[in-house]
PDB file of all heavy atoms in Angstrom:
ATOM      1  N   SER A   1      98.270 180.750  14.530  1.00  0.00           N
ATOM      2  CA  SER A   1      98.851 179.443  14.256  1.00  0.00           C
ATOM      3  C   SER A   1     100.374 179.543  14.304  1.00  0.00           C
ATOM      4  O   SER A   1     100.932 180.608  14.594  1.00  0.00           O
ATOM      5  CB  SER A   1      98.393 178.922  12.888  1.00  0.00           C
ATOM      6  OG  SER A   1      98.682 177.537  12.778  1.00  0.00           O
ATOM      7  N   VAL A   2     101.027 178.417  14.005  1.00  0.00           N
ATOM      8  CA  VAL A   2     102.494 178.375  14.057  1.00  0.00           C
ATOM      9  C   VAL A   2     103.077 178.897  12.745  1.00  0.00           C
ATOM     10  O   VAL A   2     103.959 178.288  12.138  1.00  0.00           O
ATOM     11  CB  VAL A   2     103.000 176.954  14.373  1.00  0.00           C
ATOM     12  CG1 VAL A   2     102.769 176.617  15.826  1.00  0.00           C
ATOM     13  CG2 VAL A   2     102.341 175.912  13.457  1.00  0.00           C
ATOM     14  N   VAL A   3     102.569 180.038  12.300  1.00  0.00           N
ATOM     15  CA  VAL A   3     102.964 180.651  11.032  1.00  0.00           C
ATOM     16  C   VAL A   3     103.497 182.052  11.286  1.00  0.00           C
ATOM     17  O   VAL A   3     103.531 182.524  12.421  1.00  0.00           O
ATOM     18  CB  VAL A   3     101.768 180.697  10.047  1.00  0.00           C
ATOM     19  CG1 VAL A   3     101.248 179.301   9.753  1.00  0.00           C
ATOM     20  CG2 VAL A   3     100.635 181.573  10.600  1.00  0.00           C
ATOM     21  N   GLY A   4     103.907 182.719  10.201  1.00  0.00           N
ATOM     22  CA  GLY A   4     104.373 184.093  10.307  1.00  0.00           C
ATOM     23  C   GLY A   4     105.857 184.179  10.588  1.00  0.00           C
ATOM     24  O   GLY A   4     106.565 183.175  10.681  1.00  0.00           O
ATOM     25  N   PRO A   5     106.356 185.411  10.713  1.00  0.00           N
ATOM     26  CA  PRO A   5     107.782 185.611  10.968  1.00  0.00           C
ATOM     27  C   PRO A   5     108.155 185.216  12.395  1.00  0.00           C
ATOM     28  O   PRO A   5     107.317 185.213  13.296  1.00  0.00           O
ATOM     29  CB  PRO A   5     107.958 187.121  10.743  1.00  0.00           C
ATOM     30  CG  PRO A   5     106.623 187.711  11.078  1.00  0.00           C
ATOM     31  CD  PRO A   5     105.618 186.694  10.615  1.00  0.00           C
ATOM     32  N   HIS A   6     109.424 184.879  12.585  1.00  0.00           N
ATOM     33  CA  HIS A   6     109.949 184.628  13.926  1.00  0.00           C
ATOM     34  C   HIS A   6     109.700 185.855  14.801  1.00  0.00           C
ATOM     35  O   HIS A   6     109.859 186.978  14.332  1.00  0.00           O
ATOM     36  CB  HIS A   6     111.453 184.353  13.820  1.00  0.00           C
ATOM     37  CG  HIS A   6     112.147 184.166  15.128  1.00  0.00           C
ATOM     38  ND1 HIS A   6     111.965 183.046  15.903  1.00  0.00           N
ATOM     39  CD2 HIS A   6     113.007 184.972  15.820  1.00  0.00           C
ATOM     40  CE1 HIS A   6     112.700 183.154  16.993  1.00  0.00           C
ATOM     41  NE2 HIS A   6     113.338 184.313  16.961  1.00  0.00           N
ATOM     42  N   PRO A   7     109.247 185.699  16.062  1.00  0.00           N
ATOM     43  CA  PRO A   7     109.211 184.472  16.867  1.00  0.00           C
ATOM     44  C   PRO A   7     107.870 183.755  16.903  1.00  0.00           C
ATOM     45  O   PRO A   7     107.685 182.862  17.734  1.00  0.00           O
ATOM     46  CB  PRO A   7     109.555 185.009  18.259  1.00  0.00           C
ATOM     47  CG  PRO A   7     108.847 186.341  18.309  1.00  0.00           C
ATOM     48  CD  PRO A   7     109.004 186.914  16.913  1.00  0.00           C
ATOM     49  N   PHE A   8     106.893 184.137  16.046  1.00  0.00           N
ATOM     50  CA  PHE A   8     105.547 183.577  16.169  1.00  0.00           C
ATOM     51  C   PHE A   8     105.484 182.048  16.098  1.00  0.00           C
ATOM     52  O   PHE A   8     104.839 181.418  16.950  1.00  0.00           O
ATOM     53  CB  PHE A   8     104.615 184.202  15.130  1.00  0.00           C
ATOM     54  CG  PHE A   8     104.161 185.595  15.473  1.00  0.00           C
ATOM     55  CD1 PHE A   8     104.574 186.676  14.720  1.00  0.00           C
ATOM     56  CD2 PHE A   8     103.318 185.824  16.548  1.00  0.00           C
ATOM     57  CE1 PHE A   8     104.167 187.965  15.033  1.00  0.00           C
ATOM     58  CE2 PHE A   8     102.899 187.109  16.877  1.00  0.00           C
ATOM     59  CZ  PHE A   8     103.317 188.183  16.111  1.00  0.00           C
ATOM     60  N   PRO A   9     106.111 181.383  15.104  1.00  0.00           N
ATOM     61  CA  PRO A   9     105.969 179.922  15.049  1.00  0.00           C
ATOM     62  C   PRO A   9     106.467 179.221  16.313  1.00  0.00           C
ATOM     63  O   PRO A   9     105.839 178.259  16.794  1.00  0.00           O
ATOM     64  CB  PRO A   9     106.808 179.541  13.826  1.00  0.00           C
ATOM     65  CG  PRO A   9     106.803 180.770  12.963  1.00  0.00           C
ATOM     66  CD  PRO A   9     106.856 181.901  13.938  1.00  0.00           C
ATOM     67  N   TRP A  10     107.587 179.692  16.828  1.00  0.00           N
ATOM     68  CA  TRP A  10     108.143 179.112  18.050  1.00  0.00           C
ATOM     69  C   TRP A  10     107.264 179.429  19.261  1.00  0.00           C
ATOM     70  O   TRP A  10     106.940 178.546  20.070  1.00  0.00           O
ATOM     71  CB  TRP A  10     109.560 179.664  18.244  1.00  0.00           C
ATOM     72  CG  TRP A  10     110.197 179.385  19.572  1.00  0.00           C
ATOM     73  CD1 TRP A  10     110.248 178.194  20.225  1.00  0.00           C
ATOM     74  CD2 TRP A  10     110.886 180.328  20.388  1.00  0.00           C
ATOM     75  NE1 TRP A  10     110.938 178.333  21.411  1.00  0.00           N
ATOM     76  CE2 TRP A  10     111.342 179.637  21.529  1.00  0.00           C
ATOM     77  CE3 TRP A  10     111.192 181.692  20.259  1.00  0.00           C
ATOM     78  CZ2 TRP A  10     112.063 180.269  22.551  1.00  0.00           C
ATOM     79  CZ3 TRP A  10     111.919 182.303  21.261  1.00  0.00           C
ATOM     80  CH2 TRP A  10     112.338 181.592  22.399  1.00  0.00           C
ATOM     81  N   MET A  11     106.839 180.668  19.380  1.00  0.00           N
ATOM     82  CA  MET A  11     106.046 181.108  20.522  1.00  0.00           C
ATOM     83  C   MET A  11     104.705 180.384  20.588  1.00  0.00           C
ATOM     84  O   MET A  11     104.295 179.891  21.648  1.00  0.00           O
ATOM     85  CB  MET A  11     105.836 182.621  20.436  1.00  0.00           C
ATOM     86  CG  MET A  11     105.108 183.228  21.611  1.00  0.00           C
ATOM     87  SD  MET A  11     105.129 185.046  21.525  1.00  0.00           S
ATOM     88  CE  MET A  11     104.121 185.323  20.069  1.00  0.00           C
ATOM     89  N   VAL A  12     104.016 180.295  19.450  1.00  0.00           N
ATOM     90  CA  VAL A  12     102.713 179.619  19.426  1.00  0.00           C
ATOM     91  C   VAL A  12     102.884 178.133  19.727  1.00  0.00           C
ATOM     92  O   VAL A  12     102.077 177.534  20.439  1.00  0.00           O
ATOM     93  CB  VAL A  12     102.001 179.846  18.074  1.00  0.00           C
ATOM     94  CG1 VAL A  12     100.699 179.056  18.010  1.00  0.00           C
ATOM     95  CG2 VAL A  12     101.721 181.335  17.861  1.00  0.00           C
ATOM     96  N   ARG A  13     103.964 177.520  19.211  1.00  0.00           N
ATOM     97  CA  ARG A  13     104.240 176.118  19.551  1.00  0.00           C
ATOM     98  C   ARG A  13     104.398 175.935  21.058  1.00  0.00           C
ATOM     99  O   ARG A  13     103.870 174.987  21.649  1.00  0.00           O
ATOM    100  CB  ARG A  13     105.480 175.628  18.818  1.00  0.00           C
ATOM    101  CG  ARG A  13     105.841 174.182  19.168  1.00  0.00           C
ATOM    102  CD  ARG A  13     107.140 174.131  19.981  1.00  0.00           C
ATOM    103  NE  ARG A  13     108.282 174.154  19.089  1.00  0.00           N
ATOM    104  CZ  ARG A  13     109.543 174.271  19.527  1.00  0.00           C
ATOM    105  NH1 ARG A  13     109.820 174.384  20.815  1.00  0.00           N
ATOM    106  NH2 ARG A  13     110.542 174.312  18.659  1.00  0.00           N
ATOM    107  N   GLU A  14     105.125 176.843  21.683  1.00  0.00           N
ATOM    108  CA  GLU A  14     105.345 176.730  23.125  1.00  0.00           C
ATOM    109  C   GLU A  14     104.039 176.832  23.906  1.00  0.00           C
ATOM    110  O   GLU A  14     103.853 176.137  24.911  1.00  0.00           O
ATOM    111  CB  GLU A  14     106.341 177.790  23.599  1.00  0.00           C
ATOM    112  CG  GLU A  14     107.758 177.550  23.123  1.00  0.00           C
ATOM    113  CD  GLU A  14     108.328 176.247  23.658  1.00  0.00           C
ATOM    114  OE1 GLU A  14     108.625 176.164  24.864  1.00  0.00           O
ATOM    115  OE2 GLU A  14     108.470 175.293  22.861  1.00  0.00           O
ATOM    116  N   PHE A  15     103.122 177.691  23.451  1.00  0.00           N
ATOM    117  CA  PHE A  15     101.831 177.802  24.125  1.00  0.00           C
ATOM    118  C   PHE A  15     100.920 176.604  23.838  1.00  0.00           C
ATOM    119  O   PHE A  15     100.083 176.256  24.672  1.00  0.00           O
ATOM    120  CB  PHE A  15     101.124 179.101  23.724  1.00  0.00           C
ATOM    121  CG  PHE A  15     101.716 180.350  24.334  1.00  0.00           C
ATOM    122  CD1 PHE A  15     101.992 181.458  23.537  1.00  0.00           C
ATOM    123  CD2 PHE A  15     101.999 180.422  25.686  1.00  0.00           C
ATOM    124  CE1 PHE A  15     102.537 182.615  24.094  1.00  0.00           C
ATOM    125  CE2 PHE A  15     102.546 181.574  26.250  1.00  0.00           C
ATOM    126  CZ  PHE A  15     102.811 182.671  25.453  1.00  0.00           C
ATOM    127  N   GLN A  16     101.075 175.981  22.681  1.00  0.00           N
ATOM    128  CA  GLN A  16     100.189 174.874  22.305  1.00  0.00           C
ATOM    129  C   GLN A  16     100.706 173.495  22.719  1.00  0.00           C
ATOM    130  O   GLN A  16      99.930 172.550  22.802  1.00  0.00           O
ATOM    131  CB  GLN A  16      99.939 174.876  20.786  1.00  0.00           C
ATOM    132  CG  GLN A  16      99.052 175.999  20.287  1.00  0.00           C
ATOM    133  CD  GLN A  16      97.597 175.886  20.735  1.00  0.00           C
ATOM    134  OE1 GLN A  16      97.213 174.975  21.462  1.00  0.00           O
ATOM    135  NE2 GLN A  16      96.770 176.811  20.282  1.00  0.00           N
ATOM    136  N   LYS A  17     101.995 173.362  23.024  1.00  0.00           N
ATOM    137  CA  LYS A  17     102.518 172.030  23.320  1.00  0.00           C
ATOM    138  C   LYS A  17     101.990 171.468  24.628  1.00  0.00           C
ATOM    139  O   LYS A  17     102.234 170.299  24.953  1.00  0.00           O
ATOM    140  CB  LYS A  17     104.046 172.036  23.312  1.00  0.00           C
ATOM    141  CG  LYS A  17     104.700 172.728  24.498  1.00  0.00           C
ATOM    142  CD  LYS A  17     106.221 172.609  24.423  1.00  0.00           C
ATOM    143  CE  LYS A  17     106.868 173.220  25.672  1.00  0.00           C
ATOM    144  NZ  LYS A  17     108.339 173.139  25.623  1.00  0.00           N
ATOM    145  N   VAL A  18     101.221 172.253  25.361  1.00  0.00           N
ATOM    146  CA  VAL A  18     100.530 171.744  26.549  1.00  0.00           C
ATOM    147  C   VAL A  18      99.656 170.543  26.191  1.00  0.00           C
ATOM    148  O   VAL A  18      99.457 169.640  27.014  1.00  0.00           O
ATOM    149  CB  VAL A  18      99.701 172.869  27.214  1.00  0.00           C
ATOM    150  CG1 VAL A  18      98.573 173.355  26.316  1.00  0.00           C
ATOM    151  CG2 VAL A  18      99.136 172.408  28.558  1.00  0.00           C
ATOM    152  N   ILE A  19      99.171 170.489  24.949  1.00  0.00           N
ATOM    153  CA  ILE A  19      98.316 169.375  24.517  1.00  0.00           C
ATOM    154  C   ILE A  19      99.098 168.070  24.573  1.00  0.00           C
ATOM    155  O   ILE A  19      98.661 167.079  25.193  1.00  0.00           O
ATOM    156  CB  ILE A  19      97.778 169.618  23.093  1.00  0.00           C
ATOM    157  CG1 ILE A  19      97.034 170.951  22.988  1.00  0.00           C
ATOM    158  CG2 ILE A  19      96.863 168.459  22.674  1.00  0.00           C
ATOM    159  CD1 ILE A  19      96.686 171.344  21.554  1.00  0.00           C
ATOM    160  N   GLY A  20     100.248 168.040  23.913  1.00  0.00           N
ATOM    161  CA  GLY A  20     101.060 166.831  23.900  1.00  0.00           C
ATOM    162  C   GLY A  20     101.686 166.520  25.243  1.00  0.00           C
ATOM    163  O   GLY A  20     101.823 165.346  25.626  1.00  0.00           O
ATOM    164  N   ASP A  21     102.070 167.564  25.989  1.00  0.00           N
ATOM    165  CA  ASP A  21     102.624 167.342  27.334  1.00  0.00           C
ATOM    166  C   ASP A  21     101.592 166.647  28.220  1.00  0.00           C
ATOM    167  O   ASP A  21     101.919 165.713  28.963  1.00  0.00           O
ATOM    168  CB  ASP A  21     103.047 168.669  27.965  1.00  0.00           C
ATOM    169  CG  ASP A  21     104.325 169.241  27.374  1.00  0.00           C
ATOM    170  OD1 ASP A  21     105.097 168.472  26.750  1.00  0.00           O
ATOM    171  OD2 ASP A  21     104.556 170.461  27.526  1.00  0.00           O
ATOM    172  N   GLU A  22     100.346 167.111  28.150  1.00  0.00           N
ATOM    173  CA  GLU A  22      99.281 166.476  28.919  1.00  0.00           C
ATOM    174  C   GLU A  22      99.065 165.032  28.496  1.00  0.00           C
ATOM    175  O   GLU A  22      98.886 164.142  29.337  1.00  0.00           O
ATOM    176  CB  GLU A  22      97.968 167.244  28.732  1.00  0.00           C
ATOM    177  CG  GLU A  22      97.850 168.498  29.548  1.00  0.00           C
ATOM    178  CD  GLU A  22      96.527 169.203  29.309  1.00  0.00           C
ATOM    179  OE1 GLU A  22      95.647 168.649  28.613  1.00  0.00           O
ATOM    180  OE2 GLU A  22      96.379 170.322  29.816  1.00  0.00           O
ATOM    181  N   LEU A  23      99.080 164.788  27.182  1.00  0.00           N
ATOM    182  CA  LEU A  23      98.872 163.431  26.692  1.00  0.00           C
ATOM    183  C   LEU A  23      99.966 162.510  27.216  1.00  0.00           C
ATOM    184  O   LEU A  23      99.684 161.366  27.620  1.00  0.00           O
ATOM    185  CB  LEU A  23      98.823 163.416  25.165  1.00  0.00           C
ATOM    186  CG  LEU A  23      98.553 162.054  24.513  1.00  0.00           C
ATOM    187  CD1 LEU A  23      97.214 161.473  24.970  1.00  0.00           C
ATOM    188  CD2 LEU A  23      98.594 162.168  22.992  1.00  0.00           C
ATOM    189  N   LYS A  24     101.202 162.975  27.239  1.00  0.00           N
ATOM    190  CA  LYS A  24     102.292 162.162  27.801  1.00  0.00           C
ATOM    191  C   LYS A  24     102.029 161.849  29.278  1.00  0.00           C
ATOM    192  O   LYS A  24     102.235 160.717  29.732  1.00  0.00           O
ATOM    193  CB  LYS A  24     103.628 162.890  27.648  1.00  0.00           C
ATOM    194  CG  LYS A  24     104.232 162.781  26.261  1.00  0.00           C
ATOM    195  CD  LYS A  24     105.740 162.939  26.284  1.00  0.00           C
ATOM    196  CE  LYS A  24     106.351 162.329  25.026  1.00  0.00           C
ATOM    197  NZ  LYS A  24     107.817 162.340  25.041  1.00  0.00           N
ATOM    198  N   ASP A  25     101.564 162.853  30.025  1.00  0.00           N
ATOM    199  CA  ASP A  25     101.250 162.636  31.435  1.00  0.00           C
ATOM    200  C   ASP A  25     100.100 161.644  31.597  1.00  0.00           C
ATOM    201  O   ASP A  25     100.097 160.812  32.520  1.00  0.00           O
ATOM    202  CB  ASP A  25     100.884 163.959  32.109  1.00  0.00           C
ATOM    203  CG  ASP A  25     102.076 164.892  32.288  1.00  0.00           C
ATOM    204  OD1 ASP A  25     103.229 164.413  32.193  1.00  0.00           O
ATOM    205  OD2 ASP A  25     101.850 166.101  32.503  1.00  0.00           O
ATOM    206  N   GLN A  26      99.115 161.729  30.696  1.00  0.00           N
ATOM    207  CA  GLN A  26      97.958 160.833  30.772  1.00  0.00           C
ATOM    208  C   GLN A  26      98.345 159.394  30.453  1.00  0.00           C
ATOM    209  O   GLN A  26      97.829 158.452  31.051  1.00  0.00           O
ATOM    210  CB  GLN A  26      96.846 161.353  29.851  1.00  0.00           C
ATOM    211  CG  GLN A  26      96.193 162.617  30.398  1.00  0.00           C
ATOM    212  CD  GLN A  26      95.390 163.406  29.375  1.00  0.00           C
ATOM    213  OE1 GLN A  26      95.727 163.440  28.187  1.00  0.00           O
ATOM    214  NE2 GLN A  26      94.327 164.060  29.822  1.00  0.00           N
ATOM    215  N   VAL A  27      99.289 159.217  29.518  1.00  0.00           N
ATOM    216  CA  VAL A  27      99.825 157.879  29.242  1.00  0.00           C
ATOM    217  C   VAL A  27     100.578 157.366  30.462  1.00  0.00           C
ATOM    218  O   VAL A  27     100.372 156.227  30.921  1.00  0.00           O
ATOM    219  CB  VAL A  27     100.744 157.895  28.000  1.00  0.00           C
ATOM    220  CG1 VAL A  27     101.487 156.561  27.861  1.00  0.00           C
ATOM    221  CG2 VAL A  27      99.939 158.183  26.733  1.00  0.00           C
ATOM    222  N   ALA A  28     101.443 158.202  31.019  1.00  0.00           N
ATOM    223  CA  ALA A  28     102.234 157.803  32.190  1.00  0.00           C
ATOM    224  C   ALA A  28     101.344 157.488  33.382  1.00  0.00           C
ATOM    225  O   ALA A  28     101.669 156.606  34.193  1.00  0.00           O
ATOM    226  CB  ALA A  28     103.227 158.908  32.548  1.00  0.00           C
ATOM    227  N   GLY A  29     100.207 158.183  33.487  1.00  0.00           N
ATOM    228  CA  GLY A  29      99.280 157.966  34.594  1.00  0.00           C
ATOM    229  C   GLY A  29      98.334 156.801  34.395  1.00  0.00           C
ATOM    230  O   GLY A  29      97.488 156.538  35.258  1.00  0.00           O
ATOM    231  N   GLY A  30      98.430 156.136  33.252  1.00  0.00           N
ATOM    232  CA  GLY A  30      97.598 154.969  33.000  1.00  0.00           C
ATOM    233  C   GLY A  30      96.215 155.271  32.460  1.00  0.00           C
ATOM    234  O   GLY A  30      95.354 154.378  32.410  1.00  0.00           O
ATOM    235  N   ASP A  31      95.985 156.523  32.006  1.00  0.00           N
ATOM    236  CA  ASP A  31      94.672 156.868  31.453  1.00  0.00           C
ATOM    237  C   ASP A  31      94.423 156.200  30.111  1.00  0.00           C
ATOM    238  O   ASP A  31      93.263 155.999  29.720  1.00  0.00           O
ATOM    239  CB  ASP A  31      94.541 158.387  31.287  1.00  0.00           C
ATOM    240  CG  ASP A  31      94.524 159.126  32.618  1.00  0.00           C
ATOM    241  OD1 ASP A  31      94.446 158.450  33.663  1.00  0.00           O
ATOM    242  OD2 ASP A  31      94.590 160.372  32.605  1.00  0.00           O
ATOM    243  N   LEU A  32      95.484 155.888  29.384  1.00  0.00           N
ATOM    244  CA  LEU A  32      95.385 155.205  28.099  1.00  0.00           C
ATOM    245  C   LEU A  32      96.690 154.482  27.832  1.00  0.00           C
ATOM    246  O   LEU A  32      97.727 154.826  28.431  1.00  0.00           O
ATOM    247  CB  LEU A  32      95.074 156.183  26.963  1.00  0.00           C
ATOM    248  CG  LEU A  32      96.214 157.094  26.453  1.00  0.00           C
ATOM    249  CD1 LEU A  32      95.854 157.600  25.054  1.00  0.00           C
ATOM    250  CD2 LEU A  32      96.472 158.276  27.373  1.00  0.00           C
ATOM    251  N   PRO A  33      96.668 153.473  26.939  1.00  0.00           N
ATOM    252  CA  PRO A  33      97.927 152.805  26.573  1.00  0.00           C
ATOM    253  C   PRO A  33      98.825 153.749  25.774  1.00  0.00           C
ATOM    254  O   PRO A  33      98.374 154.762  25.239  1.00  0.00           O
ATOM    255  CB  PRO A  33      97.456 151.631  25.694  1.00  0.00           C
ATOM    256  CG  PRO A  33      95.984 151.525  25.901  1.00  0.00           C
ATOM    257  CD  PRO A  33      95.505 152.889  26.274  1.00  0.00           C
ATOM    258  N   SER A  34     100.099 153.407  25.680  1.00  0.00           N
ATOM    259  CA  SER A  34     101.006 154.191  24.843  1.00  0.00           C
ATOM    260  C   SER A  34     100.518 154.156  23.400  1.00  0.00           C
ATOM    261  O   SER A  34     100.269 153.077  22.849  1.00  0.00           O
ATOM    262  CB  SER A  34     102.427 153.626  24.910  1.00  0.00           C
ATOM    263  OG  SER A  34     102.960 153.780  26.202  1.00  0.00           O
ATOM    264  N   PRO A  35     100.358 155.309  22.765  1.00  0.00           N
ATOM    265  CA  PRO A  35      99.835 155.317  21.392  1.00  0.00           C
ATOM    266  C   PRO A  35     100.852 154.805  20.378  1.00  0.00           C
ATOM    267  O   PRO A  35     102.054 155.042  20.514  1.00  0.00           O
ATOM    268  CB  PRO A  35      99.513 156.791  21.147  1.00  0.00           C
ATOM    269  CG  PRO A  35     100.387 157.551  22.087  1.00  0.00           C
ATOM    270  CD  PRO A  35     100.569 156.674  23.292  1.00  0.00           C
ATOM    271  N   ASP A  36     100.343 154.108  19.388  1.00  0.00           N
ATOM    272  CA  ASP A  36     101.158 153.712  18.240  1.00  0.00           C
ATOM    273  C   ASP A  36     101.164 154.803  17.177  1.00  0.00           C
ATOM    274  O   ASP A  36     102.152 154.982  16.457  1.00  0.00           O
ATOM    275  CB  ASP A  36     100.620 152.414  17.628  1.00  0.00           C
ATOM    276  CG  ASP A  36     100.620 151.257  18.606  1.00  0.00           C
ATOM    277  OD1 ASP A  36     101.702 150.916  19.108  1.00  0.00           O
ATOM    278  OD2 ASP A  36      99.533 150.706  18.881  1.00  0.00           O
ATOM    279  N   VAL A  37     100.019 155.511  17.076  1.00  0.00           N
ATOM    280  CA  VAL A  37      99.847 156.548  16.053  1.00  0.00           C
ATOM    281  C   VAL A  37      99.127 157.735  16.686  1.00  0.00           C
ATOM    282  O   VAL A  37      98.170 157.548  17.445  1.00  0.00           O
ATOM    283  CB  VAL A  37      99.022 156.025  14.850  1.00  0.00           C
ATOM    284  CG1 VAL A  37      98.963 157.093  13.751  1.00  0.00           C
ATOM    285  CG2 VAL A  37      99.597 154.732  14.307  1.00  0.00           C
ATOM    286  N   ILE A  38      99.573 158.950  16.381  1.00  0.00           N
ATOM    287  CA  ILE A  38      98.884 160.179  16.785  1.00  0.00           C
ATOM    288  C   ILE A  38      98.550 160.952  15.518  1.00  0.00           C
ATOM    289  O   ILE A  38      99.421 161.170  14.673  1.00  0.00           O
ATOM    290  CB  ILE A  38      99.747 161.035  17.730  1.00  0.00           C
ATOM    291  CG1 ILE A  38     100.067 160.250  19.013  1.00  0.00           C
ATOM    292  CG2 ILE A  38      99.038 162.341  18.073  1.00  0.00           C
ATOM    293  CD1 ILE A  38     101.039 160.977  19.935  1.00  0.00           C
TER     294      ILE A  38
END
């Protein structure tokens, strides 16, 4: 998880942010409306 001593929190975030990056692309591509709440 995004826990532990540096650099783990930053490194794990970088590997996991693919989730939100994809969601942004899916919104831009018209797969869903822009979310009000996540």
